[in-house]
PDB file of N, CA and C in Angstrom:
ATOM      1  N   MET A   1      24.271  16.809  62.324  1.00  0.00           N
ATOM      2  CA  MET A   1      22.896  16.434  62.484  1.00  0.00           C
ATOM      3  C   MET A   1      21.930  17.165  61.513  1.00  0.00           C
ATOM      4  N   ASN A   2      20.969  16.535  60.988  1.00  0.00           N
ATOM      5  CA  ASN A   2      20.302  17.441  59.929  1.00  0.00           C
ATOM      6  C   ASN A   2      18.712  17.183  60.839  1.00  0.00           C
ATOM      7  N   PHE A   3      17.962  18.575  60.775  1.00  0.00           N
ATOM      8  CA  PHE A   3      16.733  18.654  61.322  1.00  0.00           C
ATOM      9  C   PHE A   3      15.644  18.538  60.028  1.00  0.00           C
ATOM     10  N   HIS A   4      14.764  17.864  59.884  1.00  0.00           N
ATOM     11  CA  HIS A   4      13.895  18.151  59.255  1.00  0.00           C
ATOM     12  C   HIS A   4      12.332  18.276  59.518  1.00  0.00           C
ATOM     13  N   GLY A   5      11.864  19.104  59.554  1.00  0.00           N
ATOM     14  CA  GLY A   5      10.368  19.497  60.157  1.00  0.00           C
ATOM     15  C   GLY A   5      10.157  21.079  59.952  1.00  0.00           C
ATOM     16  N   THR A   6       9.015  21.151  60.788  1.00  0.00           N
ATOM     17  CA  THR A   6       8.407  22.584  60.810  1.00  0.00           C
ATOM     18  C   THR A   6       8.302  22.891  62.306  1.00  0.00           C
ATOM     19  N   ILE A   7       8.612  24.262  62.876  1.00  0.00           N
ATOM     20  CA  ILE A   7       8.015  24.598  64.111  1.00  0.00           C
ATOM     21  C   ILE A   7       6.799  25.349  64.322  1.00  0.00           C
ATOM     22  N   SER A   8       5.899  25.095  64.867  1.00  0.00           N
ATOM     23  CA  SER A   8       4.777  25.677  65.243  1.00  0.00           C
ATOM     24  C   SER A   8       4.539  26.397  66.679  1.00  0.00           C
ATOM     25  N   GLY A   9       4.345  27.438  67.084  1.00  0.00           N
ATOM     26  CA  GLY A   9       4.113  27.995  68.068  1.00  0.00           C
ATOM     27  C   GLY A   9       5.247  28.901  68.611  1.00  0.00           C
ATOM     28  N   PHE A  10       6.179  29.056  68.247  1.00  0.00           N
ATOM     29  CA  PHE A  10       7.448  29.338  68.568  1.00  0.00           C
ATOM     30  C   PHE A  10       7.067  31.112  69.119  1.00  0.00           C
ATOM     31  N   GLY A  11       7.600  31.355  70.159  1.00  0.00           N
ATOM     32  CA  GLY A  11       7.501  32.456  70.688  1.00  0.00           C
ATOM     33  C   GLY A  11       7.816  32.620  72.294  1.00  0.00           C
ATOM     34  N   VAL A  12       7.163  33.602  72.783  1.00  0.00           N
ATOM     35  CA  VAL A  12       7.652  33.590  74.391  1.00  0.00           C
ATOM     36  C   VAL A  12       6.712  32.967  75.109  1.00  0.00           C
ATOM     37  N   PRO A  13       7.039  32.206  76.182  1.00  0.00           N
ATOM     38  CA  PRO A  13       8.570  31.786  76.381  1.00  0.00           C
ATOM     39  C   PRO A  13       9.049  31.000  75.724  1.00  0.00           C
ATOM     40  N   GLY A  14      10.169  30.972  75.375  1.00  0.00           N
ATOM     41  CA  GLY A  14      10.869  29.868  74.628  1.00  0.00           C
ATOM     42  C   GLY A  14      12.281  30.263  73.609  1.00  0.00           C
ATOM     43  N   GLY A  15      12.788  29.528  72.926  1.00  0.00           N
ATOM     44  CA  GLY A  15      13.865  29.650  72.182  1.00  0.00           C
ATOM     45  C   GLY A  15      14.468  28.647  71.380  1.00  0.00           C
ATOM     46  N   ILE A  16      15.204  28.715  70.543  1.00  0.00           N
ATOM     47  CA  ILE A  16      15.594  27.583  69.701  1.00  0.00           C
ATOM     48  C   ILE A  16      17.183  27.642  70.192  1.00  0.00           C
ATOM     49  N   ASP A  17      17.436  26.733  70.624  1.00  0.00           N
ATOM     50  CA  ASP A  17      19.070  26.550  70.694  1.00  0.00           C
ATOM     51  C   ASP A  17      19.712  25.762  69.708  1.00  0.00           C
ATOM     52  N   LEU A  18      20.451  26.401  68.767  1.00  0.00           N
ATOM     53  CA  LEU A  18      21.237  25.819  67.813  1.00  0.00           C
ATOM     54  C   LEU A  18      22.841  25.843  68.178  1.00  0.00           C
ATOM     55  N   ARG A  19      23.145  24.468  68.873  1.00  0.00           N
ATOM     56  CA  ARG A  19      24.160  24.001  69.205  1.00  0.00           C
ATOM     57  C   ARG A  19      25.176  24.066  68.275  1.00  0.00           C
ATOM     58  N   ASP A  20      24.826  23.677  67.074  1.00  0.00           N
ATOM     59  CA  ASP A  20      26.026  23.700  65.955  1.00  0.00           C
ATOM     60  C   ASP A  20      26.286  24.948  65.463  1.00  0.00           C
ATOM     61  N   ILE A  21      25.679  25.805  65.715  1.00  0.00           N
ATOM     62  CA  ILE A  21      25.939  27.253  65.173  1.00  0.00           C
ATOM     63  C   ILE A  21      26.753  28.239  66.031  1.00  0.00           C
ATOM     64  N   ALA A  22      27.786  28.412  65.984  1.00  0.00           N
ATOM     65  CA  ALA A  22      28.660  29.034  67.018  1.00  0.00           C
ATOM     66  C   ALA A  22      28.185  30.447  66.927  1.00  0.00           C
ATOM     67  N   PHE A  23      28.153  30.985  68.288  1.00  0.00           N
ATOM     68  CA  PHE A  23      27.942  32.415  68.219  1.00  0.00           C
ATOM     69  C   PHE A  23      29.013  33.459  68.428  1.00  0.00           C
ATOM     70  N   GLY A  24      28.923  34.294  67.602  1.00  0.00           N
ATOM     71  CA  GLY A  24      30.118  35.340  67.449  1.00  0.00           C
ATOM     72  C   GLY A  24      29.547  36.563  66.707  1.00  0.00           C
ATOM     73  N   SER A  25      30.559  37.377  66.505  1.00  0.00           N
ATOM     74  CA  SER A  25      30.345  38.618  65.619  1.00  0.00           C
ATOM     75  C   SER A  25      29.866  38.301  64.412  1.00  0.00           C
ATOM     76  N   GLY A  26      30.592  37.319  63.648  1.00  0.00           N
ATOM     77  CA  GLY A  26      30.029  36.689  62.170  1.00  0.00           C
ATOM     78  C   GLY A  26      28.875  35.952  62.371  1.00  0.00           C
ATOM     79  N   THR A  27      28.186  35.708  63.494  1.00  0.00           N
ATOM     80  CA  THR A  27      26.789  34.827  63.303  1.00  0.00           C
ATOM     81  C   THR A  27      25.670  35.926  62.680  1.00  0.00           C
ATOM     82  N   THR A  28      25.124  35.512  61.553  1.00  0.00           N
ATOM     83  CA  THR A  28      23.963  36.086  60.909  1.00  0.00           C
ATOM     84  C   THR A  28      22.639  35.273  61.194  1.00  0.00           C
ATOM     85  N   LEU A  29      21.373  36.281  60.820  1.00  0.00           N
ATOM     86  CA  LEU A  29      20.072  35.853  61.149  1.00  0.00           C
ATOM     87  C   LEU A  29      19.059  36.567  60.535  1.00  0.00           C
ATOM     88  N   GLY A  30      18.332  35.752  59.590  1.00  0.00           N
ATOM     89  CA  GLY A  30      17.525  36.239  58.764  1.00  0.00           C
ATOM     90  C   GLY A  30      16.157  35.732  58.667  1.00  0.00           C
ATOM     91  N   PHE A  31      15.288  36.417  58.436  1.00  0.00           N
ATOM     92  CA  PHE A  31      13.755  35.924  58.175  1.00  0.00           C
ATOM     93  C   PHE A  31      13.150  36.162  56.755  1.00  0.00           C
ATOM     94  N   VAL A  32      12.648  35.369  56.208  1.00  0.00           N
ATOM     95  CA  VAL A  32      11.870  35.834  55.056  1.00  0.00           C
ATOM     96  C   VAL A  32      10.265  34.757  55.091  1.00  0.00           C
ATOM     97  N   GLU A  33       9.536  35.733  55.088  1.00  0.00           N
ATOM     98  CA  GLU A  33       8.159  35.461  55.532  1.00  0.00           C
ATOM     99  C   GLU A  33       7.834  34.813  53.807  1.00  0.00           C
ATOM    100  N   ALA A  34       6.850  33.822  53.783  1.00  0.00           N
ATOM    101  CA  ALA A  34       6.338  33.010  52.920  1.00  0.00           C
ATOM    102  C   ALA A  34       5.313  34.118  52.250  1.00  0.00           C
ATOM    103  N   GLY A  35       5.239  33.731  51.051  1.00  0.00           N
ATOM    104  CA  GLY A  35       3.853  34.613  50.091  1.00  0.00           C
ATOM    105  C   GLY A  35       2.552  34.513  50.764  1.00  0.00           C
ATOM    106  N   ASP A  36       2.159  33.557  51.499  1.00  0.00           N
ATOM    107  CA  ASP A  36       0.881  33.362  51.926  1.00  0.00           C
ATOM    108  C   ASP A  36       0.767  34.177  53.551  1.00  0.00           C
ATOM    109  N   ASN A  37       1.880  34.598  54.045  1.00  0.00           N
ATOM    110  CA  ASN A  37       2.213  35.210  55.088  1.00  0.00           C
ATOM    111  C   ASN A  37       1.492  34.367  56.533  1.00  0.00           C
ATOM    112  N   LEU A  38       1.745  32.988  56.317  1.00  0.00           N
ATOM    113  CA  LEU A  38       1.155  31.994  57.350  1.00  0.00           C
ATOM    114  C   LEU A  38       2.500  31.029  57.799  1.00  0.00           C
ATOM    115  N   SER A  39       3.657  31.192  57.114  1.00  0.00           N
ATOM    116  CA  SER A  39       4.820  30.884  57.783  1.00  0.00           C
ATOM    117  C   SER A  39       6.378  31.393  57.060  1.00  0.00           C
ATOM    118  N   GLY A  40       7.317  31.362  57.512  1.00  0.00           N
ATOM    119  CA  GLY A  40       8.487  31.794  56.800  1.00  0.00           C
ATOM    120  C   GLY A  40       9.966  30.930  57.147  1.00  0.00           C
ATOM    121  N   THR A  41      10.967  31.501  56.874  1.00  0.00           N
ATOM    122  CA  THR A  41      12.269  30.961  56.829  1.00  0.00           C
ATOM    123  C   THR A  41      12.972  31.516  57.847  1.00  0.00           C
ATOM    124  N   LEU A  42      13.442  30.983  58.879  1.00  0.00           N
ATOM    125  CA  LEU A  42      14.579  31.821  59.645  1.00  0.00           C
ATOM    126  C   LEU A  42      15.784  30.795  59.256  1.00  0.00           C
ATOM    127  N   THR A  43      16.621  31.913  59.082  1.00  0.00           N
ATOM    128  CA  THR A  43      18.121  31.266  58.644  1.00  0.00           C
ATOM    129  C   THR A  43      19.214  31.911  59.647  1.00  0.00           C
ATOM    130  N   VAL A  44      19.920  31.037  60.026  1.00  0.00           N
ATOM    131  CA  VAL A  44      21.064  31.568  60.949  1.00  0.00           C
ATOM    132  C   VAL A  44      22.261  30.638  60.723  1.00  0.00           C
ATOM    133  N   SER A  45      23.301  31.406  60.637  1.00  0.00           N
ATOM    134  CA  SER A  45      24.865  30.883  60.088  1.00  0.00           C
ATOM    135  C   SER A  45      25.893  31.648  60.945  1.00  0.00           C
ATOM    136  N   ASP A  46      27.033  30.487  60.899  1.00  0.00           N
ATOM    137  CA  ASP A  46      28.031  31.256  61.790  1.00  0.00           C
ATOM    138  C   ASP A  46      29.230  31.400  60.521  1.00  0.00           C
ATOM    139  N   GLY A  47      28.746  31.240  59.299  1.00  0.00           N
ATOM    140  CA  GLY A  47      29.649  31.262  58.156  1.00  0.00           C
ATOM    141  C   GLY A  47      30.260  29.727  57.860  1.00  0.00           C
ATOM    142  N   THR A  48      29.892  28.927  58.626  1.00  0.00           N
ATOM    143  CA  THR A  48      30.397  27.851  58.453  1.00  0.00           C
ATOM    144  C   THR A  48      28.991  26.615  58.264  1.00  0.00           C
ATOM    145  N   ASN A  49      28.492  26.790  59.483  1.00  0.00           N
ATOM    146  CA  ASN A  49      27.217  25.965  59.461  1.00  0.00           C
ATOM    147  C   ASN A  49      26.019  26.878  59.395  1.00  0.00           C
ATOM    148  N   THR A  50      24.946  26.455  58.798  1.00  0.00           N
ATOM    149  CA  THR A  50      23.904  26.929  58.472  1.00  0.00           C
ATOM    150  C   THR A  50      22.523  26.384  58.640  1.00  0.00           C
ATOM    151  N   ALA A  51      21.302  26.973  59.719  1.00  0.00           N
ATOM    152  CA  ALA A  51      20.003  26.271  59.595  1.00  0.00           C
ATOM    153  C   ALA A  51      19.299  27.222  59.122  1.00  0.00           C
ATOM    154  N   ALA A  52      18.315  26.465  58.331  1.00  0.00           N
ATOM    155  CA  ALA A  52      17.351  27.161  57.738  1.00  0.00           C
ATOM    156  C   ALA A  52      16.005  26.374  58.328  1.00  0.00           C
ATOM    157  N   ILE A  53      15.113  27.264  59.069  1.00  0.00           N
ATOM    158  CA  ILE A  53      14.182  26.621  59.727  1.00  0.00           C
ATOM    159  C   ILE A  53      12.657  27.041  59.263  1.00  0.00           C
ATOM    160  N   THR A  54      11.726  26.323  59.060  1.00  0.00           N
ATOM    161  CA  THR A  54      10.459  26.685  58.671  1.00  0.00           C
ATOM    162  C   THR A  54       9.752  27.001  60.060  1.00  0.00           C
ATOM    163  N   LEU A  55       8.891  28.210  60.144  1.00  0.00           N
ATOM    164  CA  LEU A  55       8.139  28.459  61.149  1.00  0.00           C
ATOM    165  C   LEU A  55       6.926  28.579  60.601  1.00  0.00           C
ATOM    166  N   LEU A  56       5.874  28.075  61.320  1.00  0.00           N
ATOM    167  CA  LEU A  56       4.384  28.066  60.914  1.00  0.00           C
ATOM    168  C   LEU A  56       4.026  29.319  61.848  1.00  0.00           C
ATOM    169  N   GLY A  57       3.114  30.272  61.460  1.00  0.00           N
ATOM    170  CA  GLY A  57       2.867  31.344  61.896  1.00  0.00           C
ATOM    171  C   GLY A  57       3.108  32.792  61.321  1.00  0.00           C
ATOM    172  N   GLN A  58       2.865  33.829  62.152  1.00  0.00           N
ATOM    173  CA  GLN A  58       3.216  34.883  61.456  1.00  0.00           C
ATOM    174  C   GLN A  58       4.283  35.751  62.628  1.00  0.00           C
ATOM    175  N   TYR A  59       5.509  36.379  61.954  1.00  0.00           N
ATOM    176  CA  TYR A  59       6.341  36.675  62.768  1.00  0.00           C
ATOM    177  C   TYR A  59       7.027  37.991  62.003  1.00  0.00           C
ATOM    178  N   VAL A  60       7.593  38.793  63.035  1.00  0.00           N
ATOM    179  CA  VAL A  60       8.319  39.922  62.403  1.00  0.00           C
ATOM    180  C   VAL A  60       9.746  39.910  62.101  1.00  0.00           C
ATOM    181  N   ALA A  61      10.448  40.025  61.612  1.00  0.00           N
ATOM    182  CA  ALA A  61      11.896  39.830  61.177  1.00  0.00           C
ATOM    183  C   ALA A  61      12.766  40.512  62.176  1.00  0.00           C
ATOM    184  N   GLY A  62      12.277  41.640  62.435  1.00  0.00           N
ATOM    185  CA  GLY A  62      12.968  42.428  63.467  1.00  0.00           C
ATOM    186  C   GLY A  62      12.903  42.219  64.759  1.00  0.00           C
ATOM    187  N   ASN A  63      12.209  41.222  65.151  1.00  0.00           N
ATOM    188  CA  ASN A  63      11.868  40.612  66.627  1.00  0.00           C
ATOM    189  C   ASN A  63      12.912  39.632  66.901  1.00  0.00           C
ATOM    190  N   PHE A  64      13.463  38.794  66.085  1.00  0.00           N
ATOM    191  CA  PHE A  64      14.135  37.937  66.372  1.00  0.00           C
ATOM    192  C   PHE A  64      15.504  38.266  67.079  1.00  0.00           C
ATOM    193  N   THR A  65      16.058  37.444  68.088  1.00  0.00           N
ATOM    194  CA  THR A  65      17.305  38.025  68.469  1.00  0.00           C
ATOM    195  C   THR A  65      18.358  36.466  68.685  1.00  0.00           C
ATOM    196  N   LYS A  66      19.265  36.953  68.630  1.00  0.00           N
ATOM    197  CA  LYS A  66      20.165  35.765  68.913  1.00  0.00           C
ATOM    198  C   LYS A  66      21.277  36.283  70.157  1.00  0.00           C
ATOM    199  N   GLN A  67      21.569  35.130  70.652  1.00  0.00           N
ATOM    200  CA  GLN A  67      22.483  35.614  71.670  1.00  0.00           C
ATOM    201  C   GLN A  67      23.421  34.000  72.117  1.00  0.00           C
ATOM    202  N   SER A  68      24.338  34.190  72.765  1.00  0.00           N
ATOM    203  CA  SER A  68      24.788  33.107  73.126  1.00  0.00           C
ATOM    204  C   SER A  68      24.158  32.111  73.877  1.00  0.00           C
ATOM    205  N   ASP A  69      24.175  30.896  73.873  1.00  0.00           N
ATOM    206  CA  ASP A  69      23.218  29.797  74.395  1.00  0.00           C
ATOM    207  C   ASP A  69      24.258  29.471  75.903  1.00  0.00           C
ATOM    208  N   GLY A  70      25.360  29.797  76.016  1.00  0.00           N
ATOM    209  CA  GLY A  70      26.366  29.771  77.243  1.00  0.00           C
ATOM    210  C   GLY A  70      27.107  28.629  77.054  1.00  0.00           C
ATOM    211  N   ASN A  71      27.239  27.822  76.084  1.00  0.00           N
ATOM    212  CA  ASN A  71      27.918  26.455  75.577  1.00  0.00           C
ATOM    213  C   ASN A  71      28.587  26.675  74.271  1.00  0.00           C
ATOM    214  N   GLY A  72      28.589  28.002  73.781  1.00  0.00           N
ATOM    215  CA  GLY A  72      29.061  28.126  72.442  1.00  0.00           C
ATOM    216  C   GLY A  72      28.248  28.046  71.083  1.00  0.00           C
ATOM    217  N   GLY A  73      26.928  27.713  71.648  1.00  0.00           N
ATOM    218  CA  GLY A  73      25.978  27.686  70.483  1.00  0.00           C
ATOM    219  C   GLY A  73      25.321  29.202  70.420  1.00  0.00           C
ATOM    220  N   THR A  74      24.417  28.966  69.832  1.00  0.00           N
ATOM    221  CA  THR A  74      23.367  30.241  69.495  1.00  0.00           C
ATOM    222  C   THR A  74      22.143  29.860  69.895  1.00  0.00           C
ATOM    223  N   LEU A  75      21.354  30.810  70.833  1.00  0.00           N
ATOM    224  CA  LEU A  75      20.255  30.720  71.239  1.00  0.00           C
ATOM    225  C   LEU A  75      19.281  31.923  70.241  1.00  0.00           C
ATOM    226  N   ILE A  76      18.319  31.482  69.940  1.00  0.00           N
ATOM    227  CA  ILE A  76      17.354  32.283  69.070  1.00  0.00           C
ATOM    228  C   ILE A  76      15.934  32.809  70.002  1.00  0.00           C
ATOM    229  N   THR A  77      15.381  33.710  70.154  1.00  0.00           N
ATOM    230  CA  THR A  77      14.286  34.146  70.609  1.00  0.00           C
ATOM    231  C   THR A  77      13.444  35.203  69.794  1.00  0.00           C
ATOM    232  N   ASP A  78      12.237  35.080  69.964  1.00  0.00           N
ATOM    233  CA  ASP A  78      11.276  36.071  69.287  1.00  0.00           C
ATOM    234  C   ASP A  78      10.613  36.863  70.322  1.00  0.00           C
ATOM    235  N   PRO A  79      11.093  37.883  70.850  1.00  0.00           N
ATOM    236  CA  PRO A  79      10.393  38.699  71.920  1.00  0.00           C
ATOM    237  C   PRO A  79       9.049  39.407  71.228  1.00  0.00           C
ATOM    238  N   PRO A  80       8.207  39.798  72.246  1.00  0.00           N
ATOM    239  CA  PRO A  80       6.752  40.501  71.458  1.00  0.00           C
ATOM    240  C   PRO A  80       7.253  42.183  71.072  1.00  0.00           C
ATOM    241  N   ALA A  81       6.324  42.513  70.205  1.00  0.00           N
ATOM    242  CA  ALA A  81       6.972  43.705  69.980  1.00  0.00           C
ATOM    243  C   ALA A  81       6.549  44.519  71.227  1.00  0.00           C
ATOM    244  N   VAL A  82       7.075  46.031  71.098  1.00  0.00           N
ATOM    245  CA  VAL A  82       6.933  46.780  72.268  1.00  0.00           C
ATOM    246  C   VAL A  82       5.507  47.113  72.369  1.00  0.00           C
ATOM    247  N   GLY A  83       5.014  46.656  73.983  1.00  0.00           N
ATOM    248  CA  GLY A  83       3.511  46.928  74.068  1.00  0.00           C
ATOM    249  C   GLY A  83       2.507  45.738  73.719  1.00  0.00           C
ATOM    250  N   GLN A  84       3.004  44.828  72.979  1.00  0.00           N
ATOM    251  CA  GLN A  84       2.148  44.034  72.543  1.00  0.00           C
ATOM    252  C   GLN A  84       1.924  42.726  73.664  1.00  0.00           C
ATOM    253  N   TYR A  85       2.788  42.672  74.489  1.00  0.00           N
ATOM    254  CA  TYR A  85       2.697  41.692  75.440  1.00  0.00           C
ATOM    255  C   TYR A  85       1.627  42.221  76.449  1.00  0.00           C
ATOM    256  N   SER A  86       1.392  43.471  76.697  1.00  0.00           N
ATOM    257  CA  SER A  86       0.405  44.069  77.741  1.00  0.00           C
ATOM    258  C   SER A  86      -1.032  43.587  77.189  1.00  0.00           C
ATOM    259  N   LEU A  87      -1.122  43.337  75.748  1.00  0.00           N
ATOM    260  CA  LEU A  87      -2.362  42.918  75.664  1.00  0.00           C
ATOM    261  C   LEU A  87      -2.667  41.526  76.034  1.00  0.00           C
ATOM    262  N   TYR A  88      -1.635  41.001  76.389  1.00  0.00           N
ATOM    263  CA  TYR A  88      -2.009  39.555  77.025  1.00  0.00           C
ATOM    264  C   TYR A  88      -2.112  39.552  78.529  1.00  0.00           C
ATOM    265  N   ASN A  89      -1.328  40.453  79.030  1.00  0.00           N
ATOM    266  CA  ASN A  89      -1.186  40.820  80.586  1.00  0.00           C
ATOM    267  C   ASN A  89      -1.321  42.013  80.876  1.00  0.00           C
ATOM    268  N   PRO A  90      -2.530  42.229  81.388  1.00  0.00           N
ATOM    269  CA  PRO A  90      -2.863  43.718  81.649  1.00  0.00           C
ATOM    270  C   PRO A  90      -1.863  44.235  82.947  1.00  0.00           C
ATOM    271  N   HIS A  91      -1.321  43.488  83.416  1.00  0.00           N
ATOM    272  CA  HIS A  91      -0.275  43.847  84.858  1.00  0.00           C
ATOM    273  C   HIS A  91       1.250  44.086  84.230  1.00  0.00           C
ATOM    274  N   ALA A  92       1.317  43.874  82.781  1.00  0.00           N
ATOM    275  CA  ALA A  92       2.787  43.941  82.538  1.00  0.00           C
ATOM    276  C   ALA A  92       3.084  45.446  82.118  1.00  0.00           C
TER     277      ALA A  92
END
């Protein structure tokens, strides 16, 4: 299956479930910001299958995390930077 499109508004809460990208020790994750700093490309690979996803918005490469989706695939999340969430929720 091929996905062609752009994702906007990705963040907490939420995740991208890549069912065709097997999660394991060889799963890689990378993010390259576009020159205009308004989007970037998230690349996830299991060595056989690769997903290159364009994300609109500003992201920090080190914030992306990968984990098992519980069904053999890979779940990608983008938690906020430490202390960032408290700006939106004073009770955090």
